[in-house]
Amino acid sequence: MTASASHSLDISPSEMAARAVIAHKRIETQIYKTPLLPSKTIGSTMGCDLFFKADNFQLTGSFKIRGASSKMSAMTGSEKLITASSGNHGIACAKAAQTFKRDLTVVLPETVAKAKLAKIKSYGVTVILEGAESGLAELHAQKLAAETEGLIYVSPYNDADVVAGQGSVGLELLEQHNGIDNIFVSMGGGGLISGIGAVIKSFSPNTRIIGVAAKNSAALAASMVAGTVVETEHHATLADGVAGGMDQDSVTLALAIKTVDQVITCSEAEITASLRRLAHEEHQLVEGSAALALAGLEQAANSFKGATNVVLLCGSNYDKATLEPLLAS
């Protein structure tokens, strides 16, 4: 099997939380402990205590370096690696490959943001453009791994070591605030929300995990309802970091079902509005997938008044040509 054997494991939230603790110790010198910032204005207008977990300030510009570093620091051989990404995971893996001196190929969708493509190339890895969205890029990378002896596929989400690394966000939150009522997390393939969810539910079970899905690409949300991975239609979304399908055997689905308390689905207009609010009111320039998490809170604001809410800003690797017109209009 060329892909990680961890894909097929049925891992409980407590087991994943334990893995996250171990992974965090391995990677803490390779990542930033990002700040938990109080909202300047949005929280007060909503009538809640609002904080932003600012992984938009993370090394490589997104949370993905956590999972990539966890995966590569756990490997002991000199295997050649291949991965696929809508951008941030590719950037993170490229950086981690440089750090850990590993041979890496990154498969990207043809629609990848130019800024993300340039950043990935800057680390000197091999780049292949394939497919109209990240799900098709993943399939191509998996096919190449299956056909090539000794080539290991590194999933953006369907890997226990990657998920454990993303869970380090939850561990940091537990250190930074001991009274969090709700954490809002954007949902893509589920690596981030299942890692955070496993940690939070293991150490702070009364804290609620709120998943936020983009209406235009909501594979995990649909799969959680069905109880199994299902095919969904994918349309262009400002939250391109969460776009695409899921592996049929994804380790993240069962974890998400067990740890996510509520799912909110947001439109492109809602994501855009939150992106603007973050820029104009909080002075935070983020990518669409980060604004998506705030959009979930804004949609259901009346349900979370008086609570202590954390919105995870998962990344800041926005495309300048996309962002500028949105902020100017």
Protein backbone atom coordinates (compact mmCIF):
# COMPACT_ATOMS: atom_id res chain seq x y z
CA MET A 1 0.00 0.00 0.00
CA THR A 2 1.60 3.26 -1.09
CA ALA A 3 -0.60 5.59 0.92
CA SER A 4 -0.27 5.80 4.67
CA ALA A 5 -1.59 2.74 6.46
CA SER A 6 -3.16 5.07 9.02
CA HIS A 7 -5.96 5.78 6.52
CA SER A 8 -7.74 2.55 7.34
CA LEU A 9 -7.55 2.88 11.13
CA ASP A 10 -10.68 3.56 13.16
CA ILE A 11 -9.26 6.03 15.65
CA SER A 12 -11.27 7.22 18.64
CA PRO A 13 -11.23 10.89 19.70
CA SER A 14 -9.28 10.02 22.85
CA GLU A 15 -6.68 8.10 20.83
CA MET A 16 -6.34 11.01 18.40
CA ALA A 17 -6.00 13.46 21.28
CA ALA A 18 -3.14 11.37 22.67
CA ARG A 19 -1.50 11.37 19.23
CA ALA A 20 -1.90 15.15 19.09
CA VAL A 21 -0.08 15.58 22.40
CA ILE A 22 2.84 13.51 21.10
CA ALA A 23 2.83 15.26 17.72
CA HIS A 24 2.81 18.69 19.34
CA LYS A 25 6.00 17.84 21.25
CA ARG A 26 7.66 16.75 17.97
CA ILE A 27 6.71 19.87 16.00
CA GLU A 28 6.71 22.70 18.53
CA THR A 29 10.05 23.99 17.28
CA GLN A 30 8.77 23.94 13.67
CA ILE A 31 5.59 25.99 14.20
CA TYR A 32 4.46 29.21 15.83
CA LYS A 33 2.19 29.21 18.86
CA THR A 34 -0.27 31.60 17.27
CA PRO A 35 -2.07 34.25 19.34
CA LEU A 36 -5.65 34.19 20.57
CA LEU A 37 -6.78 37.73 19.82
CA PRO A 38 -9.83 39.45 21.29
CA SER A 39 -12.19 40.92 18.70
CA LYS A 40 -11.93 44.67 18.25
CA THR A 41 -15.56 45.31 17.30
CA ILE A 42 -17.42 42.31 15.86
CA GLY A 43 -17.86 40.54 19.20
CA SER A 44 -19.38 43.55 20.91
CA THR A 45 -21.85 44.11 18.06
CA MET A 46 -22.92 40.46 18.38
CA GLY A 47 -23.22 40.60 22.15
CA CYS A 48 -20.63 37.91 22.84
CA ASP A 49 -17.02 37.52 23.91
CA LEU A 50 -15.27 36.79 20.63
CA PHE A 51 -11.68 35.71 20.10
CA PHE A 52 -9.80 34.86 16.93
CA LYS A 53 -7.30 31.99 16.96
CA ALA A 54 -4.93 33.58 14.49
CA ASP A 55 -3.37 30.76 12.50
CA ASN A 56 -3.37 33.22 9.63
CA PHE A 57 -0.11 34.28 11.30
CA GLN A 58 1.22 30.72 11.31
CA LEU A 59 4.45 29.85 9.52
CA THR A 60 3.62 29.41 5.78
CA GLY A 61 0.43 31.43 6.32
CA SER A 62 -1.91 28.65 7.46
CA PHE A 63 -2.46 25.87 9.99
CA LYS A 64 -1.34 23.26 7.46
CA ILE A 65 2.31 23.39 8.52
CA ARG A 66 1.23 21.68 11.74
CA GLY A 67 0.03 18.54 9.97
CA ALA A 68 2.79 18.50 7.37
CA SER A 69 5.49 18.80 10.03
CA SER A 70 3.81 16.12 12.12
CA LYS A 71 3.76 13.71 9.20
CA MET A 72 7.33 14.27 8.07
CA SER A 73 8.77 14.31 11.59
CA ALA A 74 7.14 10.91 12.22
CA MET A 75 8.82 9.28 9.18
CA THR A 76 12.17 7.59 9.66
CA GLY A 77 13.08 6.42 6.14
CA SER A 78 14.10 8.31 3.00
CA GLU A 79 10.86 7.71 1.09
CA LYS A 80 9.86 9.92 -1.82
CA LEU A 81 6.59 11.72 -1.22
CA ILE A 82 3.73 13.07 -3.31
CA THR A 83 0.80 15.15 -2.16
CA ALA A 84 -2.12 17.16 -3.51
CA SER A 85 -3.57 20.45 -2.37
CA SER A 86 -5.67 23.48 -3.19
CA GLY A 87 -2.67 25.43 -1.99
CA ASN A 88 -2.06 25.64 1.75
CA HIS A 89 -1.26 21.97 2.33
CA GLY A 90 1.07 22.10 -0.66
CA ILE A 91 2.84 25.16 0.75
CA ALA A 92 3.15 23.50 4.15
CA CYS A 93 4.42 20.19 2.75
CA ALA A 94 6.91 22.02 0.56
CA LYS A 95 8.25 23.90 3.56
CA ALA A 96 8.33 20.76 5.72
CA ALA A 97 10.05 18.81 2.92
CA GLN A 98 12.73 21.48 2.80
CA THR A 99 13.11 21.36 6.60
CA PHE A 100 13.27 17.56 6.78
CA LYS A 101 15.17 17.21 3.47
CA ARG A 102 12.59 15.07 1.67
CA ASP A 103 11.91 14.57 -2.03
CA LEU A 104 8.38 15.91 -2.68
CA THR A 105 6.03 16.34 -5.64
CA VAL A 106 2.94 18.53 -5.19
CA VAL A 107 -0.12 18.08 -7.42
CA LEU A 108 -2.30 21.19 -7.59
CA PRO A 109 -5.62 21.95 -9.31
CA GLU A 110 -5.34 24.12 -12.40
CA THR A 111 -7.41 26.74 -10.53
CA VAL A 112 -4.88 27.16 -7.71
CA ALA A 113 -4.40 30.77 -6.59
CA LYS A 114 -1.34 32.29 -8.23
CA ALA A 115 0.12 33.43 -4.92
CA LYS A 116 -0.08 29.89 -3.52
CA LEU A 117 1.47 28.39 -6.65
CA ALA A 118 4.39 30.82 -6.50
CA LYS A 119 5.00 30.10 -2.83
CA ILE A 120 5.02 26.33 -3.37
CA LYS A 121 7.49 26.61 -6.23
CA SER A 122 9.77 28.78 -4.08
CA TYR A 123 10.64 25.77 -1.91
CA GLY A 124 12.12 23.90 -4.88
CA VAL A 125 9.67 20.99 -5.02
CA THR A 126 8.28 19.40 -8.18
CA VAL A 127 4.85 20.80 -9.15
CA ILE A 128 2.17 19.18 -11.34
CA LEU A 129 -1.06 20.98 -12.32
CA GLU A 130 -3.99 18.59 -12.80
CA GLY A 131 -7.78 18.90 -12.58
CA ALA A 132 -10.30 21.69 -12.09
CA GLU A 133 -10.53 21.29 -8.30
CA SER A 134 -8.55 19.83 -5.43
CA GLY A 135 -10.46 16.53 -5.41
CA LEU A 136 -9.29 15.75 -8.95
CA ALA A 137 -5.74 16.75 -8.04
CA GLU A 138 -5.90 14.33 -5.11
CA LEU A 139 -7.06 11.49 -7.37
CA HIS A 140 -4.17 12.13 -9.76
CA ALA A 141 -1.61 12.17 -6.94
CA GLN A 142 -3.05 8.96 -5.50
CA LYS A 143 -2.89 7.34 -8.95
CA LEU A 144 0.77 8.28 -9.37
CA ALA A 145 1.54 6.92 -5.89
CA ALA A 146 -0.22 3.65 -6.68
CA GLU A 147 1.69 3.26 -9.94
CA THR A 148 5.13 4.19 -8.61
CA GLU A 149 7.11 1.87 -6.36
CA GLY A 150 8.30 3.57 -3.18
CA LEU A 151 6.25 6.75 -3.67
CA ILE A 152 4.12 7.63 -0.61
CA TYR A 153 1.01 9.77 -0.86
CA VAL A 154 0.60 12.37 1.90
CA SER A 155 -3.09 13.22 2.25
CA PRO A 156 -4.10 16.76 3.22
CA TYR A 157 -6.52 15.26 5.75
CA ASN A 158 -6.79 11.46 5.53
CA ASP A 159 -3.76 10.62 7.63
CA ALA A 160 -3.56 10.12 11.39
CA ASP A 161 -0.23 11.94 11.71
CA VAL A 162 -1.56 14.92 9.76
CA VAL A 163 -4.76 15.08 11.82
CA ALA A 164 -2.73 14.83 15.04
CA GLY A 165 -0.63 17.79 13.94
CA GLN A 166 -3.73 19.88 13.25
CA GLY A 167 -4.96 18.94 16.72
CA SER A 168 -2.15 21.05 18.16
CA VAL A 169 -4.43 24.05 17.54
CA GLY A 170 -6.77 22.65 20.16
CA LEU A 171 -3.95 22.09 22.64
CA GLU A 172 -2.87 25.71 22.28
CA LEU A 173 -6.43 26.93 22.78
CA LEU A 174 -6.71 24.97 26.02
CA GLU A 175 -3.57 26.74 27.27
CA GLN A 176 -4.73 30.16 26.12
CA HIS A 177 -8.29 30.23 27.50
CA ASN A 178 -10.04 27.97 30.01
CA GLY A 179 -13.62 29.12 29.43
CA ILE A 180 -14.36 28.63 25.75
CA ASP A 181 -18.01 27.82 25.03
CA ASN A 182 -17.87 27.41 21.23
CA ILE A 183 -15.15 27.01 18.60
CA PHE A 184 -16.02 27.75 14.96
CA VAL A 185 -13.93 25.81 12.44
CA SER A 186 -14.17 25.75 8.63
CA MET A 187 -14.64 22.27 7.18
CA GLY A 188 -12.81 20.90 4.15
CA GLY A 189 -11.62 17.30 4.18
CA GLY A 190 -11.92 17.34 7.96
CA GLY A 191 -8.30 17.18 9.09
CA LEU A 192 -8.50 20.44 11.04
CA ILE A 193 -11.91 20.06 12.63
CA SER A 194 -11.45 16.39 13.54
CA GLY A 195 -8.03 17.07 15.07
CA ILE A 196 -9.28 20.04 17.09
CA GLY A 197 -12.51 18.23 17.92
CA ALA A 198 -10.71 15.17 19.26
CA VAL A 199 -8.50 17.29 21.51
CA ILE A 200 -11.25 19.59 22.78
CA LYS A 201 -13.77 16.82 23.47
CA SER A 202 -11.10 14.83 25.33
CA PHE A 203 -9.94 17.68 27.58
CA SER A 204 -12.85 20.16 27.61
CA PRO A 205 -15.98 18.14 26.76
CA ASN A 206 -18.42 20.98 27.46
CA THR A 207 -16.86 23.16 24.76
CA ARG A 208 -18.92 22.90 21.58
CA ILE A 209 -17.33 22.41 18.16
CA ILE A 210 -19.20 24.21 15.39
CA GLY A 211 -18.29 23.17 11.85
CA VAL A 212 -18.82 25.67 9.05
CA ALA A 213 -19.22 24.46 5.48
CA ALA A 214 -19.26 26.36 2.19
CA LYS A 215 -22.54 25.73 0.36
CA ASN A 216 -20.67 25.47 -2.94
CA SER A 217 -18.42 22.61 -1.75
CA ALA A 218 -19.68 20.77 1.32
CA ALA A 219 -18.54 17.15 1.04
CA LEU A 220 -17.85 16.60 4.73
CA ALA A 221 -21.15 18.15 5.84
CA ALA A 222 -23.11 15.91 3.46
CA SER A 223 -21.09 12.86 4.48
CA MET A 224 -21.73 13.51 8.17
CA VAL A 225 -25.47 13.51 7.51
CA ALA A 226 -25.24 10.31 5.47
CA GLY A 227 -22.89 8.58 7.88
CA THR A 228 -20.62 7.62 5.00
CA VAL A 229 -18.56 9.50 2.41
CA VAL A 230 -20.86 10.66 -0.39
CA GLU A 231 -20.29 12.34 -3.75
CA THR A 232 -21.35 15.99 -3.89
CA GLU A 233 -21.35 18.70 -6.54
CA HIS A 234 -18.53 21.22 -6.29
CA HIS A 235 -18.78 24.79 -7.49
CA ALA A 236 -16.29 27.64 -7.31
CA THR A 237 -16.02 29.14 -3.84
CA LEU A 238 -14.18 32.03 -2.27
CA ALA A 239 -13.27 29.50 0.43
CA ASP A 240 -11.10 27.55 -2.02
CA GLY A 241 -9.11 26.02 0.83
CA VAL A 242 -12.09 23.84 1.81
CA ALA A 243 -13.13 22.88 -1.74
CA GLY A 244 -13.16 19.33 -3.07
CA GLY A 245 -14.23 15.80 -2.25
CA MET A 246 -13.09 13.20 0.28
CA ASP A 247 -11.48 9.76 0.27
CA GLN A 248 -13.97 6.94 0.78
CA ASP A 249 -11.97 5.64 3.75
CA SER A 250 -11.24 9.02 5.32
CA VAL A 251 -10.18 8.78 8.95
CA THR A 252 -11.72 12.22 9.50
CA LEU A 253 -15.38 11.34 8.96
CA ALA A 254 -15.89 9.17 12.06
CA LEU A 255 -13.94 11.67 14.18
CA ALA A 256 -16.03 14.58 12.90
CA ILE A 257 -19.29 12.72 13.53
CA LYS A 258 -18.21 12.02 17.12
CA THR A 259 -16.84 15.47 17.96
CA VAL A 260 -18.69 18.14 15.93
CA ASP A 261 -21.79 19.43 17.75
CA GLN A 262 -23.32 21.51 14.95
CA VAL A 263 -22.77 22.28 11.28
CA ILE A 264 -23.63 25.62 9.66
CA THR A 265 -23.57 26.02 5.88
CA CYS A 266 -22.78 29.43 4.38
CA SER A 267 -23.33 31.05 0.99
CA GLU A 268 -20.73 32.91 -1.04
CA ALA A 269 -22.39 36.21 -0.10
CA GLU A 270 -22.03 35.40 3.59
CA ILE A 271 -18.38 34.43 3.19
CA THR A 272 -17.69 37.66 1.28
CA ALA A 273 -19.41 39.78 3.93
CA SER A 274 -17.35 38.19 6.70
CA LEU A 275 -14.14 38.63 4.70
CA ARG A 276 -14.89 42.35 4.45
CA ARG A 277 -15.74 42.65 8.15
CA LEU A 278 -12.48 40.98 9.13
CA ALA A 279 -10.53 43.40 6.95
CA HIS A 280 -12.37 46.61 7.78
CA GLU A 281 -13.31 46.06 11.44
CA GLU A 282 -10.64 43.67 12.74
CA HIS A 283 -7.79 44.68 10.41
CA GLN A 284 -7.27 41.03 9.48
CA LEU A 285 -6.58 40.15 5.83
CA VAL A 286 -7.44 36.47 5.49
CA GLU A 287 -8.39 33.98 2.80
CA GLY A 288 -11.95 32.90 2.13
CA SER A 289 -11.70 29.68 4.11
CA ALA A 290 -10.84 31.68 7.23
CA ALA A 291 -13.71 34.12 6.68
CA LEU A 292 -16.01 31.10 6.33
CA ALA A 293 -15.62 30.30 10.04
CA LEU A 294 -16.74 33.80 11.01
CA ALA A 295 -19.60 33.60 8.51
CA GLY A 296 -20.95 30.63 10.44
CA LEU A 297 -21.01 32.61 13.68
CA GLU A 298 -22.55 35.62 11.96
CA GLN A 299 -25.33 33.53 10.42
CA ALA A 300 -26.33 32.09 13.81
CA ALA A 301 -25.25 35.03 16.00
CA ASN A 302 -28.46 35.10 18.05
CA SER A 303 -27.80 31.54 19.22
CA PHE A 304 -24.37 32.44 20.61
CA LYS A 305 -25.03 35.72 22.43
CA GLY A 306 -23.46 35.96 25.86
CA ALA A 307 -21.10 33.07 25.12
CA THR A 308 -17.32 32.95 24.79
CA ASN A 309 -16.75 32.13 21.13
CA VAL A 310 -13.53 31.39 19.25
CA VAL A 311 -13.33 31.70 15.47
CA LEU A 312 -10.39 29.92 13.93
CA LEU A 313 -8.71 32.02 11.25
CA CYS A 314 -7.11 29.13 9.41
CA GLY A 315 -5.07 30.97 6.79
CA SER A 316 -4.05 34.17 5.04
CA ASN A 317 -2.76 32.93 1.67
CA TYR A 318 -5.31 34.90 -0.31
CA ASP A 319 -5.08 35.70 -3.99
CA LYS A 320 -4.50 39.45 -4.32
CA ALA A 321 -6.44 39.71 -7.59
CA THR A 322 -9.44 38.06 -5.93
CA LEU A 323 -9.32 39.94 -2.63
CA GLU A 324 -8.76 43.53 -3.76
CA PRO A 325 -12.02 43.99 -5.72
CA LEU A 326 -14.03 42.45 -2.87
CA LEU A 327 -12.60 44.87 -0.34
CA ALA A 328 -12.99 47.88 -2.62
CA SER A 329 -16.66 47.25 -3.45
